[in-house]
Amino acid sequence: MATKLEEEEYLYRRAINIIESADTDSVKEDMLFQEVWTPLAVLYEDRIKATK
């Protein structure tokens, strides 16, 4: 099983791939939200809740 750091690294690399893709900006935004930002939020959910 991957560590949090490894999962985070994968998500950041995925974000770069999406940003550099030939897709339209609206498609990129949707993909980033679904494939990067939401998984990152889940990954660090405990820290996000602790700051509230």
C-alpha atoms as a PDB file:
ATOM      1  CA  MET A   1       0.000   0.000   0.000  1.00  0.00           C
ATOM      2  CA  ALA A   2       1.261   3.448  -0.920  1.00  0.00           C
ATOM      3  CA  THR A   3       2.093   6.005   1.734  1.00  0.00           C
ATOM      4  CA  LYS A   4       0.284   9.345   1.899  1.00  0.00           C
ATOM      5  CA  LEU A   5       3.323  11.012   0.399  1.00  0.00           C
ATOM      6  CA  GLU A   6       3.398   8.580  -2.526  1.00  0.00           C
ATOM      7  CA  GLU A   7      -0.313   9.080  -3.144  1.00  0.00           C
ATOM      8  CA  GLU A   8       0.120  12.843  -2.982  1.00  0.00           C
ATOM      9  CA  GLU A   9       3.020  12.688  -5.432  1.00  0.00           C
ATOM     10  CA  TYR A  10       0.897  10.637  -7.846  1.00  0.00           C
ATOM     11  CA  LEU A  11      -1.935  13.166  -7.616  1.00  0.00           C
ATOM     12  CA  TYR A  12       0.401  16.107  -8.281  1.00  0.00           C
ATOM     13  CA  ARG A  13       1.861  14.313 -11.292  1.00  0.00           C
ATOM     14  CA  ARG A  14      -1.669  13.618 -12.514  1.00  0.00           C
ATOM     15  CA  ALA A  15      -2.475  17.331 -12.130  1.00  0.00           C
ATOM     16  CA  ILE A  16       0.521  18.255 -14.281  1.00  0.00           C
ATOM     17  CA  ASN A  17      -0.546  15.771 -16.948  1.00  0.00           C
ATOM     18  CA  ILE A  18      -4.063  17.198 -16.977  1.00  0.00           C
ATOM     19  CA  ILE A  19      -2.838  20.793 -17.126  1.00  0.00           C
ATOM     20  CA  GLU A  20      -0.490  20.006 -20.015  1.00  0.00           C
ATOM     21  CA  SER A  21      -3.150  18.078 -21.945  1.00  0.00           C
ATOM     22  CA  ALA A  22      -4.802  19.417 -25.091  1.00  0.00           C
ATOM     23  CA  ASP A  23      -8.245  19.400 -23.487  1.00  0.00           C
ATOM     24  CA  THR A  24     -10.290  22.590 -23.115  1.00  0.00           C
ATOM     25  CA  ASP A  25      -9.969  24.575 -19.901  1.00  0.00           C
ATOM     26  CA  SER A  26     -13.442  23.545 -18.735  1.00  0.00           C
ATOM     27  CA  VAL A  27     -12.608  19.867 -19.264  1.00  0.00           C
ATOM     28  CA  LYS A  28      -9.306  20.346 -17.429  1.00  0.00           C
ATOM     29  CA  GLU A  29     -11.099  21.998 -14.504  1.00  0.00           C
ATOM     30  CA  ASP A  30     -13.545  19.111 -14.246  1.00  0.00           C
ATOM     31  CA  MET A  31     -10.779  16.520 -14.472  1.00  0.00           C
ATOM     32  CA  LEU A  32      -8.653  18.317 -11.871  1.00  0.00           C
ATOM     33  CA  PHE A  33     -11.562  18.494  -9.469  1.00  0.00           C
ATOM     34  CA  GLN A  34     -12.540  14.845  -9.913  1.00  0.00           C
ATOM     35  CA  GLU A  35      -9.108  13.259 -10.265  1.00  0.00           C
ATOM     36  CA  VAL A  36      -6.859  15.469  -8.127  1.00  0.00           C
ATOM     37  CA  TRP A  37      -8.473  17.928  -5.718  1.00  0.00           C
ATOM     38  CA  THR A  38     -11.203  15.645  -4.375  1.00  0.00           C
ATOM     39  CA  PRO A  39      -8.794  12.726  -3.781  1.00  0.00           C
ATOM     40  CA  LEU A  40      -6.341  15.134  -2.101  1.00  0.00           C
ATOM     41  CA  ALA A  41      -9.099  16.388   0.179  1.00  0.00           C
ATOM     42  CA  VAL A  42      -9.997  12.809   1.097  1.00  0.00           C
ATOM     43  CA  LEU A  43      -6.329  12.002   1.672  1.00  0.00           C
ATOM     44  CA  TYR A  44      -5.974  14.896   4.122  1.00  0.00           C
ATOM     45  CA  GLU A  45      -9.523  14.930   5.464  1.00  0.00           C
ATOM     46  CA  ASP A  46      -8.339  14.499   9.048  1.00  0.00           C
ATOM     47  CA  ARG A  47      -6.060  17.552   8.844  1.00  0.00           C
ATOM     48  CA  ILE A  48      -8.719  19.644   7.129  1.00  0.00           C
ATOM     49  CA  LYS A  49     -11.243  18.885   9.861  1.00  0.00           C
ATOM     50  CA  ALA A  50      -8.689  19.537  12.597  1.00  0.00           C
ATOM     51  CA  THR A  51      -8.166  23.128  11.408  1.00  0.00           C
ATOM     52  CA  LYS A  52     -11.852  24.030  11.678  1.00  0.00           C
END
